[in-house]
């Protein structure tokens, strides 16, 4: 254990193509710089909170504030694990795995973004597979949820390719206009049918009690 007082700093998820690593201050700066170089066409907004609409250096400063805030507000009742996406040591994007009252409801939410230069290479699906592995295999979840605006073809394509089930829609404000988010969920029984054997987890054991221990996990780690 490298960080006895803040176990998330040791969290990593590794696949043959990418590494997900909990965001420390150095990674936060690299992600802020990557975001400032562009995530999406400025004429379109994929995020419910339009954080990419602000100019540099405010965008970078807000990005750092976000990562600091997730640490300060992390409790067993509400946690957000921001993870940098690395390919051969280069930061190419970010994802998050979050939960509310997780020890009771056993449900987690995922979200992600990639820098524009790294899109269209299949990395989005790889990031999602790694996030699902962390939530189900590592944290003991029973349900995963996600969502995307109805015009976000790339995100919806990843979701549908992994076999999520539709779970309704949510009407909300996007840049002062109507935006419709399509919602999806995946139960653990389905995830087991697509589970990969080439994804490794590191730093999870020390993290579990920090997030709120699940008391009904048997010795073999299979959720009941």
C-alpha atoms as a PDB file:
ATOM      1  CA  UNK A   1       0.000   0.000   0.000  1.00  0.00           C
ATOM      2  CA  UNK A   2       1.552   3.303  -1.123  1.00  0.00           C
ATOM      3  CA  UNK A   3      -1.052   5.684   0.326  1.00  0.00           C
ATOM      4  CA  UNK A   4      -2.287   4.457   3.735  1.00  0.00           C
ATOM      5  CA  UNK A   5      -4.405   7.575   4.348  1.00  0.00           C
ATOM      6  CA  UNK A   6      -6.020   7.882   0.914  1.00  0.00           C
ATOM      7  CA  UNK A   7      -6.484   4.399  -0.610  1.00  0.00           C
ATOM      8  CA  UNK A   8      -7.924   5.658  -3.929  1.00  0.00           C
ATOM      9  CA  UNK A   9      -4.452   6.865  -4.947  1.00  0.00           C
ATOM     10  CA  UNK A  10      -3.404   3.207  -5.374  1.00  0.00           C
ATOM     11  CA  UNK A  11      -6.329   2.304  -7.639  1.00  0.00           C
ATOM     12  CA  UNK A  12      -5.525   1.082 -11.159  1.00  0.00           C
ATOM     13  CA  UNK A  13      -7.338  -0.921 -13.807  1.00  0.00           C
ATOM     14  CA  UNK A  14      -5.228  -2.395 -16.606  1.00  0.00           C
ATOM     15  CA  UNK A  15      -6.260  -3.886 -19.927  1.00  0.00           C
ATOM     16  CA  UNK A  16      -4.011  -4.827 -22.848  1.00  0.00           C
ATOM     17  CA  UNK A  17      -4.682  -1.397 -24.408  1.00  0.00           C
ATOM     18  CA  UNK A  18      -5.209   1.075 -21.566  1.00  0.00           C
ATOM     19  CA  UNK A  19      -4.617   1.829 -17.902  1.00  0.00           C
ATOM     20  CA  UNK A  20      -7.152   3.605 -15.717  1.00  0.00           C
ATOM     21  CA  UNK A  21      -5.450   5.366 -12.815  1.00  0.00           C
ATOM     22  CA  UNK A  22      -7.008   7.369  -9.994  1.00  0.00           C
ATOM     23  CA  UNK A  23      -6.442  11.062 -10.615  1.00  0.00           C
ATOM     24  CA  UNK A  24      -3.736  12.600  -8.428  1.00  0.00           C
ATOM     25  CA  UNK A  25      -2.596  16.212  -8.798  1.00  0.00           C
ATOM     26  CA  UNK A  26      -0.128  15.480 -11.608  1.00  0.00           C
ATOM     27  CA  UNK A  27      -2.722  13.595 -13.623  1.00  0.00           C
ATOM     28  CA  UNK A  28      -5.292  16.311 -12.922  1.00  0.00           C
ATOM     29  CA  UNK A  29      -3.016  18.892 -14.576  1.00  0.00           C
ATOM     30  CA  UNK A  30      -2.463  16.643 -17.599  1.00  0.00           C
ATOM     31  CA  UNK A  31      -6.202  16.078 -17.945  1.00  0.00           C
ATOM     32  CA  UNK A  32      -6.890  19.799 -17.649  1.00  0.00           C
ATOM     33  CA  UNK A  33      -4.420  20.497 -20.455  1.00  0.00           C
ATOM     34  CA  UNK A  34      -5.909  17.726 -22.598  1.00  0.00           C
ATOM     35  CA  UNK A  35      -9.427  19.064 -22.115  1.00  0.00           C
ATOM     36  CA  UNK A  36      -8.284  22.556 -23.094  1.00  0.00           C
ATOM     37  CA  UNK A  37      -7.142  21.162 -26.447  1.00  0.00           C
ATOM     38  CA  UNK A  38     -10.705  20.030 -27.164  1.00  0.00           C
ATOM     39  CA  UNK A  39     -13.068  17.153 -26.451  1.00  0.00           C
ATOM     40  CA  UNK A  40     -15.872  17.842 -28.918  1.00  0.00           C
ATOM     41  CA  UNK A  41     -17.009  20.144 -31.703  1.00  0.00           C
ATOM     42  CA  UNK A  42     -17.811  23.478 -29.984  1.00  0.00           C
ATOM     43  CA  UNK A  43     -21.138  23.644 -31.840  1.00  0.00           C
ATOM     44  CA  UNK A  44     -22.365  20.601 -29.889  1.00  0.00           C
ATOM     45  CA  UNK A  45     -22.492  19.765 -26.171  1.00  0.00           C
ATOM     46  CA  UNK A  46     -22.319  16.165 -24.916  1.00  0.00           C
ATOM     47  CA  UNK A  47     -22.270  17.074 -21.206  1.00  0.00           C
ATOM     48  CA  UNK A  48     -25.215  17.944 -18.967  1.00  0.00           C
ATOM     49  CA  UNK A  49     -22.945  20.489 -17.246  1.00  0.00           C
ATOM     50  CA  UNK A  50     -21.381  22.515 -20.096  1.00  0.00           C
ATOM     51  CA  UNK A  51     -17.974  22.721 -18.435  1.00  0.00           C
ATOM     52  CA  UNK A  52     -16.134  22.822 -21.757  1.00  0.00           C
ATOM     53  CA  UNK A  53     -17.818  26.080 -22.793  1.00  0.00           C
ATOM     54  CA  UNK A  54     -15.449  28.247 -20.752  1.00  0.00           C
ATOM     55  CA  UNK A  55     -12.151  29.533 -22.138  1.00  0.00           C
ATOM     56  CA  UNK A  56      -8.604  28.792 -21.011  1.00  0.00           C
ATOM     57  CA  UNK A  57      -7.288  29.139 -18.326  1.00  0.00           C
ATOM     58  CA  UNK A  58     -10.660  29.025 -16.549  1.00  0.00           C
ATOM     59  CA  UNK A  59     -11.385  25.612 -18.069  1.00  0.00           C
ATOM     60  CA  UNK A  60      -8.152  24.173 -16.661  1.00  0.00           C
ATOM     61  CA  UNK A  61      -8.761  25.801 -13.270  1.00  0.00           C
ATOM     62  CA  UNK A  62     -12.304  24.426 -13.089  1.00  0.00           C
ATOM     63  CA  UNK A  63     -11.032  20.982 -14.054  1.00  0.00           C
ATOM     64  CA  UNK A  64      -8.585  21.010 -11.153  1.00  0.00           C
ATOM     65  CA  UNK A  65     -11.316  22.211  -8.800  1.00  0.00           C
ATOM     66  CA  UNK A  66     -13.509  19.305  -9.890  1.00  0.00           C
ATOM     67  CA  UNK A  67     -10.857  16.703  -9.103  1.00  0.00           C
ATOM     68  CA  UNK A  68     -10.036  18.291  -5.760  1.00  0.00           C
ATOM     69  CA  UNK A  69     -13.741  18.434  -4.927  1.00  0.00           C
ATOM     70  CA  UNK A  70     -14.293  14.732  -5.621  1.00  0.00           C
ATOM     71  CA  UNK A  71     -11.657  13.941  -3.007  1.00  0.00           C
ATOM     72  CA  UNK A  72     -13.009  16.343  -0.411  1.00  0.00           C
ATOM     73  CA  UNK A  73     -16.586  15.085  -0.822  1.00  0.00           C
ATOM     74  CA  UNK A  74     -15.859  11.345  -0.915  1.00  0.00           C
ATOM     75  CA  UNK A  75     -17.854   9.467   1.747  1.00  0.00           C
ATOM     76  CA  UNK A  76     -19.436   5.999   1.902  1.00  0.00           C
ATOM     77  CA  UNK A  77     -22.804   7.601   1.094  1.00  0.00           C
ATOM     78  CA  UNK A  78     -21.520   9.461  -1.963  1.00  0.00           C
ATOM     79  CA  UNK A  79     -18.348   8.784  -3.901  1.00  0.00           C
ATOM     80  CA  UNK A  80     -16.918   9.573  -7.299  1.00  0.00           C
ATOM     81  CA  UNK A  81     -13.723   7.856  -8.426  1.00  0.00           C
ATOM     82  CA  UNK A  82     -12.184   9.890 -11.275  1.00  0.00           C
ATOM     83  CA  UNK A  83      -9.718   7.900 -13.357  1.00  0.00           C
ATOM     84  CA  UNK A  84      -7.272   9.070 -15.996  1.00  0.00           C
ATOM     85  CA  UNK A  85      -7.122   6.980 -19.182  1.00  0.00           C
ATOM     86  CA  UNK A  86      -3.538   6.263 -20.228  1.00  0.00           C
ATOM     87  CA  UNK A  87      -2.201   4.636 -23.386  1.00  0.00           C
ATOM     88  CA  UNK A  88       1.525   3.845 -23.260  1.00  0.00           C
ATOM     89  CA  UNK A  89       1.895   6.428 -20.509  1.00  0.00           C
ATOM     90  CA  UNK A  90       0.110   9.211 -22.407  1.00  0.00           C
ATOM     91  CA  UNK A  91      -3.059  10.691 -20.907  1.00  0.00           C
ATOM     92  CA  UNK A  92      -5.798  10.400 -23.542  1.00  0.00           C
ATOM     93  CA  UNK A  93      -8.988  10.923 -21.539  1.00  0.00           C
ATOM     94  CA  UNK A  94     -10.852  10.409 -18.291  1.00  0.00           C
ATOM     95  CA  UNK A  95     -13.625   8.318 -16.846  1.00  0.00           C
ATOM     96  CA  UNK A  96     -15.479   8.108 -13.570  1.00  0.00           C
ATOM     97  CA  UNK A  97     -17.141   5.427 -11.492  1.00  0.00           C
ATOM     98  CA  UNK A  98     -19.564   6.812  -8.929  1.00  0.00           C
ATOM     99  CA  UNK A  99     -22.033   5.555  -6.373  1.00  0.00           C
ATOM    100  CA  UNK A 100     -24.729   6.750  -3.969  1.00  0.00           C
ATOM    101  CA  UNK A 101     -25.354   4.663  -0.833  1.00  0.00           C
ATOM    102  CA  UNK A 102     -23.482   1.940  -2.691  1.00  0.00           C
ATOM    103  CA  UNK A 103     -23.195  -0.520   0.189  1.00  0.00           C
ATOM    104  CA  UNK A 104     -26.993  -0.765   0.210  1.00  0.00           C
ATOM    105  CA  UNK A 105     -28.122  -0.281  -3.410  1.00  0.00           C
ATOM    106  CA  UNK A 106     -25.048  -1.875  -5.093  1.00  0.00           C
ATOM    107  CA  UNK A 107     -25.424   0.353  -8.178  1.00  0.00           C
ATOM    108  CA  UNK A 108     -22.733   2.435  -9.877  1.00  0.00           C
ATOM    109  CA  UNK A 109     -22.707   4.998 -12.690  1.00  0.00           C
ATOM    110  CA  UNK A 110     -20.029   5.391 -15.361  1.00  0.00           C
ATOM    111  CA  UNK A 111     -19.063   8.300 -17.571  1.00  0.00           C
ATOM    112  CA  UNK A 112     -16.068   9.142 -19.750  1.00  0.00           C
ATOM    113  CA  UNK A 113     -14.502  11.449 -22.323  1.00  0.00           C
ATOM    114  CA  UNK A 114     -11.527  11.268 -24.669  1.00  0.00           C
ATOM    115  CA  UNK A 115      -9.440  14.024 -26.190  1.00  0.00           C
ATOM    116  CA  UNK A 116     -10.442  14.621 -29.812  1.00  0.00           C
ATOM    117  CA  UNK A 117      -7.137  13.299 -31.141  1.00  0.00           C
ATOM    118  CA  UNK A 118      -7.825   9.943 -29.483  1.00  0.00           C
ATOM    119  CA  UNK A 119     -11.404   9.393 -30.596  1.00  0.00           C
ATOM    120  CA  UNK A 120     -12.530   6.904 -33.231  1.00  0.00           C
ATOM    121  CA  UNK A 121      -9.946   4.284 -32.227  1.00  0.00           C
ATOM    122  CA  UNK A 122     -12.126   1.975 -30.141  1.00  0.00           C
ATOM    123  CA  UNK A 123     -10.806   3.346 -26.865  1.00  0.00           C
ATOM    124  CA  UNK A 124     -14.264   4.319 -25.624  1.00  0.00           C
ATOM    125  CA  UNK A 125     -15.401   0.702 -25.540  1.00  0.00           C
ATOM    126  CA  UNK A 126     -12.152  -0.340 -23.862  1.00  0.00           C
ATOM    127  CA  UNK A 127     -12.636   2.306 -21.179  1.00  0.00           C
ATOM    128  CA  UNK A 128     -16.213   1.155 -20.579  1.00  0.00           C
ATOM    129  CA  UNK A 129     -15.173  -2.496 -20.305  1.00  0.00           C
ATOM    130  CA  UNK A 130     -12.517  -1.552 -17.750  1.00  0.00           C
ATOM    131  CA  UNK A 131     -14.982   0.574 -15.782  1.00  0.00           C
ATOM    132  CA  UNK A 132     -17.530  -2.235 -15.698  1.00  0.00           C
ATOM    133  CA  UNK A 133     -14.891  -4.687 -14.522  1.00  0.00           C
ATOM    134  CA  UNK A 134     -13.955  -2.355 -11.682  1.00  0.00           C
ATOM    135  CA  UNK A 135     -17.561  -1.885 -10.605  1.00  0.00           C
ATOM    136  CA  UNK A 136     -18.736  -5.481 -10.831  1.00  0.00           C
ATOM    137  CA  UNK A 137     -15.615  -7.537 -10.143  1.00  0.00           C
ATOM    138  CA  UNK A 138     -13.777  -5.107  -7.909  1.00  0.00           C
ATOM    139  CA  UNK A 139     -16.432  -3.254  -5.937  1.00  0.00           C
ATOM    140  CA  UNK A 140     -19.144  -5.913  -5.803  1.00  0.00           C
ATOM    141  CA  UNK A 141     -21.863  -4.047  -7.681  1.00  0.00           C
ATOM    142  CA  UNK A 142     -25.049  -5.680  -8.915  1.00  0.00           C
ATOM    143  CA  UNK A 143     -26.154  -2.988 -11.397  1.00  0.00           C
ATOM    144  CA  UNK A 144     -24.356  -0.499 -13.656  1.00  0.00           C
ATOM    145  CA  UNK A 145     -26.051   2.566 -15.125  1.00  0.00           C
ATOM    146  CA  UNK A 146     -25.105   5.055 -17.806  1.00  0.00           C
ATOM    147  CA  UNK A 147     -26.703   7.622 -20.082  1.00  0.00           C
ATOM    148  CA  UNK A 148     -26.031   9.885 -23.045  1.00  0.00           C
ATOM    149  CA  UNK A 149     -27.834  12.528 -25.055  1.00  0.00           C
ATOM    150  CA  UNK A 150     -29.869  11.055 -27.891  1.00  0.00           C
ATOM    151  CA  UNK A 151     -27.542  12.666 -30.455  1.00  0.00           C
ATOM    152  CA  UNK A 152     -24.343  11.281 -28.896  1.00  0.00           C
ATOM    153  CA  UNK A 153     -23.904   8.440 -31.373  1.00  0.00           C
ATOM    154  CA  UNK A 154     -20.439   7.397 -30.188  1.00  0.00           C
ATOM    155  CA  UNK A 155     -21.421   6.929 -26.551  1.00  0.00           C
ATOM    156  CA  UNK A 156     -24.703   5.247 -27.416  1.00  0.00           C
ATOM    157  CA  UNK A 157     -22.870   2.922 -29.799  1.00  0.00           C
ATOM    158  CA  UNK A 158     -20.570   1.737 -27.014  1.00  0.00           C
ATOM    159  CA  UNK A 159     -23.499   1.250 -24.641  1.00  0.00           C
ATOM    160  CA  UNK A 160     -25.553  -0.753 -27.102  1.00  0.00           C
ATOM    161  CA  UNK A 161     -22.595  -2.858 -28.244  1.00  0.00           C
ATOM    162  CA  UNK A 162     -22.132  -4.079 -24.669  1.00  0.00           C
ATOM    163  CA  UNK A 163     -25.769  -5.090 -24.325  1.00  0.00           C
ATOM    164  CA  UNK A 164     -27.114  -2.579 -21.815  1.00  0.00           C
ATOM    165  CA  UNK A 165     -30.903  -2.528 -21.403  1.00  0.00           C
ATOM    166  CA  UNK A 166     -32.834   0.716 -22.089  1.00  0.00           C
ATOM    167  CA  UNK A 167     -34.024   2.336 -18.876  1.00  0.00           C
ATOM    168  CA  UNK A 168     -36.110   5.317 -19.972  1.00  0.00           C
ATOM    169  CA  UNK A 169     -35.210   8.894 -20.826  1.00  0.00           C
ATOM    170  CA  UNK A 170     -34.713  12.158 -18.970  1.00  0.00           C
ATOM    171  CA  UNK A 171     -35.660  15.615 -20.298  1.00  0.00           C
ATOM    172  CA  UNK A 172     -33.306  18.359 -19.179  1.00  0.00           C
ATOM    173  CA  UNK A 173     -31.853  21.720 -20.137  1.00  0.00           C
ATOM    174  CA  UNK A 174     -28.809  21.690 -22.422  1.00  0.00           C
ATOM    175  CA  UNK A 175     -27.401  25.108 -23.296  1.00  0.00           C
ATOM    176  CA  UNK A 176     -30.794  26.669 -22.506  1.00  0.00           C
ATOM    177  CA  UNK A 177     -32.586  24.243 -24.825  1.00  0.00           C
ATOM    178  CA  UNK A 178     -34.226  20.854 -24.403  1.00  0.00           C
ATOM    179  CA  UNK A 179     -31.879  17.892 -24.211  1.00  0.00           C
ATOM    180  CA  UNK A 180     -33.054  14.295 -23.935  1.00  0.00           C
ATOM    181  CA  UNK A 181     -30.767  11.840 -22.188  1.00  0.00           C
ATOM    182  CA  UNK A 182     -31.308   8.162 -22.946  1.00  0.00           C
ATOM    183  CA  UNK A 183     -30.777   6.002 -19.858  1.00  0.00           C
ATOM    184  CA  UNK A 184     -29.478   2.425 -19.666  1.00  0.00           C
ATOM    185  CA  UNK A 185     -28.658  -0.197 -17.083  1.00  0.00           C
ATOM    186  CA  UNK A 186     -26.798  -3.504 -16.958  1.00  0.00           C
ATOM    187  CA  UNK A 187     -27.281  -6.209 -14.327  1.00  0.00           C
ATOM    188  CA  UNK A 188     -24.456  -8.428 -13.166  1.00  0.00           C
ATOM    189  CA  UNK A 189     -25.908 -11.542 -14.808  1.00  0.00           C
ATOM    190  CA  UNK A 190     -25.497  -9.922 -18.219  1.00  0.00           C
ATOM    191  CA  UNK A 191     -22.037  -8.598 -17.396  1.00  0.00           C
ATOM    192  CA  UNK A 192     -20.915 -12.129 -16.577  1.00  0.00           C
ATOM    193  CA  UNK A 193     -21.736 -13.146 -20.157  1.00  0.00           C
ATOM    194  CA  UNK A 194     -19.389 -10.458 -21.554  1.00  0.00           C
ATOM    195  CA  UNK A 195     -16.821 -10.494 -18.744  1.00  0.00           C
ATOM    196  CA  UNK A 196     -13.228 -10.331 -19.972  1.00  0.00           C
ATOM    197  CA  UNK A 197     -10.338 -12.285 -18.495  1.00  0.00           C
ATOM    198  CA  UNK A 198      -7.601  -9.858 -19.552  1.00  0.00           C
ATOM    199  CA  UNK A 199      -8.435  -6.988 -17.169  1.00  0.00           C
ATOM    200  CA  UNK A 200      -6.446  -6.583 -13.941  1.00  0.00           C
ATOM    201  CA  UNK A 201      -7.338  -4.628 -10.811  1.00  0.00           C
ATOM    202  CA  UNK A 202      -4.892  -3.085  -8.365  1.00  0.00           C
ATOM    203  CA  UNK A 203      -5.487  -1.297  -5.071  1.00  0.00           C
ATOM    204  CA  UNK A 204      -9.100  -2.414  -4.707  1.00  0.00           C
ATOM    205  CA  UNK A 205      -8.830  -4.370  -1.456  1.00  0.00           C
ATOM    206  CA  UNK A 206      -7.755  -1.354   0.596  1.00  0.00           C
ATOM    207  CA  UNK A 207     -10.326   0.813  -1.146  1.00  0.00           C
ATOM    208  CA  UNK A 208     -13.421  -1.248  -0.316  1.00  0.00           C
ATOM    209  CA  UNK A 209     -13.893  -0.306   3.369  1.00  0.00           C
ATOM    210  CA  UNK A 210     -13.136   3.311   2.453  1.00  0.00           C
ATOM    211  CA  UNK A 211     -16.219   3.354   0.190  1.00  0.00           C
ATOM    212  CA  UNK A 212     -18.480   1.611   2.686  1.00  0.00           C
ATOM    213  CA  UNK A 213     -18.065  -2.136   3.125  1.00  0.00           C
ATOM    214  CA  UNK A 214     -20.623  -4.516   1.702  1.00  0.00           C
ATOM    215  CA  UNK A 215     -21.538  -6.944   4.467  1.00  0.00           C
ATOM    216  CA  UNK A 216     -23.128  -9.690   2.352  1.00  0.00           C
ATOM    217  CA  UNK A 217     -20.076 -10.558   0.249  1.00  0.00           C
ATOM    218  CA  UNK A 218     -19.152 -14.234   0.687  1.00  0.00           C
ATOM    219  CA  UNK A 219     -15.569 -15.423   0.960  1.00  0.00           C
ATOM    220  CA  UNK A 220     -15.232 -16.024  -2.784  1.00  0.00           C
ATOM    221  CA  UNK A 221     -16.122 -12.403  -3.527  1.00  0.00           C
ATOM    222  CA  UNK A 222     -19.243 -13.212  -5.519  1.00  0.00           C
ATOM    223  CA  UNK A 223     -22.075 -10.761  -4.728  1.00  0.00           C
ATOM    224  CA  UNK A 224     -25.180 -12.347  -3.250  1.00  0.00           C
END
